[in-house]
Amino acid sequence: MTTVVVSLVAFVMLLVAAFVFVGWRDRHRLSSPEDSAAARDARSEQERAAVERHGLQGHRIRRDQTGNGM
């Protein structure tokens, strides 16, 4: 019984390792320099938008504290 359990565990671990390896290999094979450039551009656009939102929120808070309203 112990031999069967150990064999099944080893088989499952081998399947998981093969699945992870194939996924890793395909992810590296399918990525291109254009993909990484596009990801970098998207990330910088997200950061720019976040900074812009943060600035607008700060301006709104300061305006409300001074009592100027809208």
PDB file of N, CA and C in Angstrom:
ATOM      1  N   MET A   1       0.827  -1.193   0.000  1.00  0.00           N
ATOM      2  CA  MET A   1       0.000   0.000   0.000  1.00  0.00           C
ATOM      3  C   MET A   1       0.872   1.259   0.000  1.00  0.00           C
ATOM      4  N   THR A   2       1.917   1.265   0.809  1.00  0.00           N
ATOM      5  CA  THR A   2       2.810   2.415   0.874  1.00  0.00           C
ATOM      6  C   THR A   2       3.484   2.660  -0.475  1.00  0.00           C
ATOM      7  N   THR A   3       3.843   1.595  -1.159  1.00  0.00           N
ATOM      8  CA  THR A   3       4.495   1.719  -2.462  1.00  0.00           C
ATOM      9  C   THR A   3       3.565   2.367  -3.471  1.00  0.00           C
ATOM     10  N   VAL A   4       2.287   2.026  -3.426  1.00  0.00           N
ATOM     11  CA  VAL A   4       1.316   2.606  -4.341  1.00  0.00           C
ATOM     12  C   VAL A   4       1.159   4.099  -4.067  1.00  0.00           C
ATOM     13  N   VAL A   5       1.069   4.488  -2.822  1.00  0.00           N
ATOM     14  CA  VAL A   5       0.914   5.902  -2.453  1.00  0.00           C
ATOM     15  C   VAL A   5       2.148   6.694  -2.876  1.00  0.00           C
ATOM     16  N   VAL A   6       3.308   6.174  -2.591  1.00  0.00           N
ATOM     17  CA  VAL A   6       4.553   6.855  -2.967  1.00  0.00           C
ATOM     18  C   VAL A   6       4.643   6.988  -4.488  1.00  0.00           C
ATOM     19  N   SER A   7       4.265   5.954  -5.202  1.00  0.00           N
ATOM     20  CA  SER A   7       4.303   5.997  -6.666  1.00  0.00           C
ATOM     21  C   SER A   7       3.324   7.036  -7.207  1.00  0.00           C
ATOM     22  N   LEU A   8       2.126   7.096  -6.646  1.00  0.00           N
ATOM     23  CA  LEU A   8       1.144   8.085  -7.085  1.00  0.00           C
ATOM     24  C   LEU A   8       1.611   9.517  -6.801  1.00  0.00           C
ATOM     25  N   VAL A   9       2.183   9.724  -5.635  1.00  0.00           N
ATOM     26  CA  VAL A   9       2.695  11.053  -5.281  1.00  0.00           C
ATOM     27  C   VAL A   9       3.816  11.448  -6.236  1.00  0.00           C
ATOM     28  N   ALA A  10       4.723  10.525  -6.519  1.00  0.00           N
ATOM     29  CA  ALA A  10       5.817  10.814  -7.447  1.00  0.00           C
ATOM     30  C   ALA A  10       5.272  11.110  -8.839  1.00  0.00           C
ATOM     31  N   PHE A  11       4.268  10.377  -9.279  1.00  0.00           N
ATOM     32  CA  PHE A  11       3.672  10.599 -10.593  1.00  0.00           C
ATOM     33  C   PHE A  11       2.998  11.966 -10.672  1.00  0.00           C
ATOM     34  N   VAL A  12       2.274  12.322  -9.636  1.00  0.00           N
ATOM     35  CA  VAL A  12       1.604  13.629  -9.601  1.00  0.00           C
ATOM     36  C   VAL A  12       2.633  14.752  -9.594  1.00  0.00           C
ATOM     37  N   MET A  13       3.691  14.593  -8.822  1.00  0.00           N
ATOM     38  CA  MET A  13       4.745  15.610  -8.787  1.00  0.00           C
ATOM     39  C   MET A  13       5.416  15.752 -10.150  1.00  0.00           C
ATOM     40  N   LEU A  14       5.614  14.644 -10.843  1.00  0.00           N
ATOM     41  CA  LEU A  14       6.192  14.679 -12.178  1.00  0.00           C
ATOM     42  C   LEU A  14       5.265  15.408 -13.158  1.00  0.00           C
ATOM     43  N   LEU A  15       3.972  15.141 -13.070  1.00  0.00           N
ATOM     44  CA  LEU A  15       3.011  15.839 -13.937  1.00  0.00           C
ATOM     45  C   LEU A  15       2.999  17.346 -13.661  1.00  0.00           C
ATOM     46  N   VAL A  16       3.014  17.727 -12.408  1.00  0.00           N
ATOM     47  CA  VAL A  16       3.014  19.151 -12.052  1.00  0.00           C
ATOM     48  C   VAL A  16       4.297  19.814 -12.557  1.00  0.00           C
ATOM     49  N   ALA A  17       5.427  19.147 -12.374  1.00  0.00           N
ATOM     50  CA  ALA A  17       6.696  19.709 -12.842  1.00  0.00           C
ATOM     51  C   ALA A  17       6.691  19.870 -14.356  1.00  0.00           C
ATOM     52  N   ALA A  18       6.165  18.899 -15.075  1.00  0.00           N
ATOM     53  CA  ALA A  18       6.101  18.991 -16.537  1.00  0.00           C
ATOM     54  C   ALA A  18       5.186  20.139 -16.958  1.00  0.00           C
ATOM     55  N   PHE A  19       4.053  20.298 -16.296  1.00  0.00           N
ATOM     56  CA  PHE A  19       3.115  21.377 -16.608  1.00  0.00           C
ATOM     57  C   PHE A  19       3.757  22.741 -16.377  1.00  0.00           C
ATOM     58  N   VAL A  20       4.451  22.895 -15.264  1.00  0.00           N
ATOM     59  CA  VAL A  20       5.116  24.166 -14.942  1.00  0.00           C
ATOM     60  C   VAL A  20       6.225  24.448 -15.950  1.00  0.00           C
ATOM     61  N   PHE A  21       7.010  23.449 -16.278  1.00  0.00           N
ATOM     62  CA  PHE A  21       8.104  23.639 -17.222  1.00  0.00           C
ATOM     63  C   PHE A  21       7.589  24.049 -18.599  1.00  0.00           C
ATOM     64  N   VAL A  22       6.560  23.384 -19.094  1.00  0.00           N
ATOM     65  CA  VAL A  22       6.024  23.707 -20.417  1.00  0.00           C
ATOM     66  C   VAL A  22       5.435  25.121 -20.421  1.00  0.00           C
ATOM     67  N   GLY A  23       4.747  25.506 -19.361  1.00  0.00           N
ATOM     68  CA  GLY A  23       4.215  26.861 -19.265  1.00  0.00           C
ATOM     69  C   GLY A  23       5.318  27.899 -19.253  1.00  0.00           C
ATOM     70  N   TRP A  24       6.372  27.652 -18.500  1.00  0.00           N
ATOM     71  CA  TRP A  24       7.506  28.575 -18.423  1.00  0.00           C
ATOM     72  C   TRP A  24       8.182  28.690 -19.783  1.00  0.00           C
ATOM     73  N   ARG A  25       8.394  27.559 -20.436  1.00  0.00           N
ATOM     74  CA  ARG A  25       9.053  27.545 -21.737  1.00  0.00           C
ATOM     75  C   ARG A  25       8.225  28.307 -22.776  1.00  0.00           C
ATOM     76  N   ASP A  26       6.926  28.078 -22.807  1.00  0.00           N
ATOM     77  CA  ASP A  26       6.075  28.745 -23.782  1.00  0.00           C
ATOM     78  C   ASP A  26       5.972  30.237 -23.521  1.00  0.00           C
ATOM     79  N   ARG A  27       5.943  30.613 -22.264  1.00  0.00           N
ATOM     80  CA  ARG A  27       5.844  32.036 -21.936  1.00  0.00           C
ATOM     81  C   ARG A  27       7.082  32.766 -22.435  1.00  0.00           C
ATOM     82  N   HIS A  28       8.253  32.174 -22.279  1.00  0.00           N
ATOM     83  CA  HIS A  28       9.485  32.807 -22.751  1.00  0.00           C
ATOM     84  C   HIS A  28       9.591  32.763 -24.270  1.00  0.00           C
ATOM     85  N   ARG A  29       9.103  31.717 -24.867  1.00  0.00           N
ATOM     86  CA  ARG A  29       9.198  31.584 -26.312  1.00  0.00           C
ATOM     87  C   ARG A  29       8.240  32.540 -27.015  1.00  0.00           C
ATOM     88  N   LEU A  30       7.078  32.773 -26.451  1.00  0.00           N
ATOM     89  CA  LEU A  30       6.073  33.607 -27.098  1.00  0.00           C
ATOM     90  C   LEU A  30       6.294  35.108 -26.888  1.00  0.00           C
ATOM     91  N   SER A  31       7.085  35.474 -25.882  1.00  0.00           N
ATOM     92  CA  SER A  31       7.295  36.894 -25.640  1.00  0.00           C
ATOM     93  C   SER A  31       8.337  37.428 -26.612  1.00  0.00           C
ATOM     94  N   SER A  32       8.114  38.649 -27.031  1.00  0.00           N
ATOM     95  CA  SER A  32       9.025  39.285 -27.973  1.00  0.00           C
ATOM     96  C   SER A  32       9.427  40.646 -27.415  1.00  0.00           C
ATOM     97  N   PRO A  33      10.422  41.266 -28.025  1.00  0.00           N
ATOM     98  CA  PRO A  33      10.796  42.610 -27.549  1.00  0.00           C
ATOM     99  C   PRO A  33       9.648  43.606 -27.641  1.00  0.00           C
ATOM    100  N   GLU A  34       8.775  43.432 -28.649  1.00  0.00           N
ATOM    101  CA  GLU A  34       7.632  44.338 -28.765  1.00  0.00           C
ATOM    102  C   GLU A  34       6.675  44.163 -27.588  1.00  0.00           C
ATOM    103  N   ASP A  35       6.517  42.914 -27.111  1.00  0.00           N
ATOM    104  CA  ASP A  35       5.639  42.672 -25.970  1.00  0.00           C
ATOM    105  C   ASP A  35       6.163  43.377 -24.728  1.00  0.00           C
ATOM    106  N   SER A  36       7.469  43.276 -24.485  1.00  0.00           N
ATOM    107  CA  SER A  36       8.012  43.913 -23.289  1.00  0.00           C
ATOM    108  C   SER A  36       7.965  45.435 -23.416  1.00  0.00           C
ATOM    109  N   ALA A  37       8.150  45.953 -24.622  1.00  0.00           N
ATOM    110  CA  ALA A  37       8.050  47.404 -24.815  1.00  0.00           C
ATOM    111  C   ALA A  37       6.612  47.868 -24.592  1.00  0.00           C
ATOM    112  N   ALA A  38       5.653  47.097 -25.079  1.00  0.00           N
ATOM    113  CA  ALA A  38       4.249  47.460 -24.886  1.00  0.00           C
ATOM    114  C   ALA A  38       3.879  47.404 -23.406  1.00  0.00           C
ATOM    115  N   ALA A  39       4.376  46.409 -22.700  1.00  0.00           N
ATOM    116  CA  ALA A  39       4.106  46.295 -21.264  1.00  0.00           C
ATOM    117  C   ALA A  39       4.725  47.472 -20.520  1.00  0.00           C
ATOM    118  N   ARG A  40       5.924  47.852 -20.904  1.00  0.00           N
ATOM    119  CA  ARG A  40       6.596  48.992 -20.265  1.00  0.00           C
ATOM    120  C   ARG A  40       5.819  50.282 -20.531  1.00  0.00           C
ATOM    121  N   ASP A  41       5.340  50.471 -21.760  1.00  0.00           N
ATOM    122  CA  ASP A  41       4.551  51.665 -22.087  1.00  0.00           C
ATOM    123  C   ASP A  41       3.244  51.698 -21.306  1.00  0.00           C
ATOM    124  N   ALA A  42       2.586  50.548 -21.196  1.00  0.00           N
ATOM    125  CA  ALA A  42       1.328  50.478 -20.458  1.00  0.00           C
ATOM    126  C   ALA A  42       1.550  50.781 -18.987  1.00  0.00           C
ATOM    127  N   ARG A  43       2.635  50.254 -18.426  1.00  0.00           N
ATOM    128  CA  ARG A  43       2.936  50.490 -17.021  1.00  0.00           C
ATOM    129  C   ARG A  43       3.215  51.976 -16.777  1.00  0.00           C
ATOM    130  N   SER A  44       3.950  52.625 -17.680  1.00  0.00           N
ATOM    131  CA  SER A  44       4.242  54.050 -17.490  1.00  0.00           C
ATOM    132  C   SER A  44       2.970  54.887 -17.630  1.00  0.00           C
ATOM    133  N   GLU A  45       2.066  54.483 -18.527  1.00  0.00           N
ATOM    134  CA  GLU A  45       0.784  55.188 -18.676  1.00  0.00           C
ATOM    135  C   GLU A  45      -0.065  55.043 -17.415  1.00  0.00           C
ATOM    136  N   GLN A  46      -0.064  53.844 -16.818  1.00  0.00           N
ATOM    137  CA  GLN A  46      -0.811  53.636 -15.572  1.00  0.00           C
ATOM    138  C   GLN A  46      -0.243  54.490 -14.451  1.00  0.00           C
ATOM    139  N   GLU A  47       1.082  54.560 -14.356  1.00  0.00           N
ATOM    140  CA  GLU A  47       1.708  55.356 -13.310  1.00  0.00           C
ATOM    141  C   GLU A  47       1.407  56.846 -13.505  1.00  0.00           C
ATOM    142  N   ARG A  48       1.437  57.312 -14.769  1.00  0.00           N
ATOM    143  CA  ARG A  48       1.130  58.704 -15.053  1.00  0.00           C
ATOM    144  C   ARG A  48      -0.300  59.041 -14.638  1.00  0.00           C
ATOM    145  N   ALA A  49      -1.238  58.139 -14.970  1.00  0.00           N
ATOM    146  CA  ALA A  49      -2.636  58.365 -14.615  1.00  0.00           C
ATOM    147  C   ALA A  49      -2.826  58.351 -13.095  1.00  0.00           C
ATOM    148  N   ALA A  50      -2.101  57.471 -12.406  1.00  0.00           N
ATOM    149  CA  ALA A  50      -2.214  57.410 -10.947  1.00  0.00           C
ATOM    150  C   ALA A  50      -1.693  58.695 -10.313  1.00  0.00           C
ATOM    151  N   VAL A  51      -0.588  59.214 -10.819  1.00  0.00           N
ATOM    152  CA  VAL A  51      -0.039  60.463 -10.288  1.00  0.00           C
ATOM    153  C   VAL A  51      -1.011  61.612 -10.542  1.00  0.00           C
ATOM    154  N   GLU A  52      -1.609  61.620 -11.713  1.00  0.00           N
ATOM    155  CA  GLU A  52      -2.580  62.660 -12.042  1.00  0.00           C
ATOM    156  C   GLU A  52      -3.791  62.602 -11.108  1.00  0.00           C
ATOM    157  N   ARG A  53      -4.312  61.388 -10.871  1.00  0.00           N
ATOM    158  CA  ARG A  53      -5.447  61.237  -9.946  1.00  0.00           C
ATOM    159  C   ARG A  53      -5.078  61.688  -8.550  1.00  0.00           C
ATOM    160  N   HIS A  54      -3.874  61.310  -8.109  1.00  0.00           N
ATOM    161  CA  HIS A  54      -3.432  61.674  -6.770  1.00  0.00           C
ATOM    162  C   HIS A  54      -3.359  63.199  -6.633  1.00  0.00           C
ATOM    163  N   GLY A  55      -2.841  63.856  -7.641  1.00  0.00           N
ATOM    164  CA  GLY A  55      -2.756  65.316  -7.605  1.00  0.00           C
ATOM    165  C   GLY A  55      -4.126  65.960  -7.557  1.00  0.00           C
ATOM    166  N   LEU A  56      -5.074  65.438  -8.346  1.00  0.00           N
ATOM    167  CA  LEU A  56      -6.429  65.992  -8.338  1.00  0.00           C
ATOM    168  C   LEU A  56      -7.101  65.790  -6.993  1.00  0.00           C
ATOM    169  N   GLN A  57      -6.879  64.640  -6.366  1.00  0.00           N
ATOM    170  CA  GLN A  57      -7.482  64.392  -5.060  1.00  0.00           C
ATOM    171  C   GLN A  57      -6.904  65.337  -4.016  1.00  0.00           C
ATOM    172  N   GLY A  58      -5.591  65.568  -4.082  1.00  0.00           N
ATOM    173  CA  GLY A  58      -4.973  66.496  -3.139  1.00  0.00           C
ATOM    174  C   GLY A  58      -5.503  67.896  -3.311  1.00  0.00           C
ATOM    175  N   HIS A  59      -5.691  68.316  -4.556  1.00  0.00           N
ATOM    176  CA  HIS A  59      -6.235  69.646  -4.829  1.00  0.00           C
ATOM    177  C   HIS A  59      -7.660  69.762  -4.289  1.00  0.00           C
ATOM    178  N   ARG A  60      -8.446  68.717  -4.478  1.00  0.00           N
ATOM    179  CA  ARG A  60      -9.834  68.719  -4.005  1.00  0.00           C
ATOM    180  C   ARG A  60      -9.873  68.802  -2.484  1.00  0.00           C
ATOM    181  N   ILE A  61      -8.994  68.069  -1.807  1.00  0.00           N
ATOM    182  CA  ILE A  61      -8.971  68.085  -0.335  1.00  0.00           C
ATOM    183  C   ILE A  61      -8.572  69.467   0.165  1.00  0.00           C
ATOM    184  N   ARG A  62      -7.526  70.055  -0.443  1.00  0.00           N
ATOM    185  CA  ARG A  62      -7.094  71.396  -0.017  1.00  0.00           C
ATOM    186  C   ARG A  62      -8.197  72.424  -0.253  1.00  0.00           C
ATOM    187  N   ARG A  63      -8.918  72.306  -1.372  1.00  0.00           N
ATOM    188  CA  ARG A  63      -9.990  73.248  -1.681  1.00  0.00           C
ATOM    189  C   ARG A  63     -11.101  73.129  -0.649  1.00  0.00           C
ATOM    190  N   ASP A  64     -11.440  71.892  -0.259  1.00  0.00           N
ATOM    191  CA  ASP A  64     -12.513  71.690   0.730  1.00  0.00           C
ATOM    192  C   ASP A  64     -12.092  72.198   2.115  1.00  0.00           C
ATOM    193  N   GLN A  65     -10.806  72.094   2.454  1.00  0.00           N
ATOM    194  CA  GLN A  65     -10.363  72.545   3.761  1.00  0.00           C
ATOM    195  C   GLN A  65     -10.362  74.065   3.869  1.00  0.00           C
ATOM    196  N   THR A  66     -10.153  74.726   2.764  1.00  0.00           N
ATOM    197  CA  THR A  66     -10.152  76.201   2.815  1.00  0.00           C
ATOM    198  C   THR A  66     -11.555  76.774   2.726  1.00  0.00           C
ATOM    199  N   GLY A  67     -12.540  75.940   2.444  1.00  0.00           N
ATOM    200  CA  GLY A  67     -13.920  76.391   2.418  1.00  0.00           C
ATOM    201  C   GLY A  67     -14.336  77.029   1.110  1.00  0.00           C
ATOM    202  N   ASN A  68     -13.568  76.827   0.061  1.00  0.00           N
ATOM    203  CA  ASN A  68     -13.910  77.428  -1.221  1.00  0.00           C
ATOM    204  C   ASN A  68     -15.034  76.674  -1.924  1.00  0.00           C
ATOM    205  N   GLY A  69     -15.266  75.435  -1.550  1.00  0.00           N
ATOM    206  CA  GLY A  69     -16.298  74.632  -2.212  1.00  0.00           C
ATOM    207  C   GLY A  69     -15.950  74.395  -3.660  1.00  0.00           C
ATOM    208  N   MET A  70     -16.986  74.295  -4.479  1.00  0.00           N
ATOM    209  CA  MET A  70     -16.751  74.068  -5.906  1.00  0.00           C
ATOM    210  C   MET A  70     -16.677  75.361  -6.577  1.00  0.00           C
TER     211      MET A  70
END
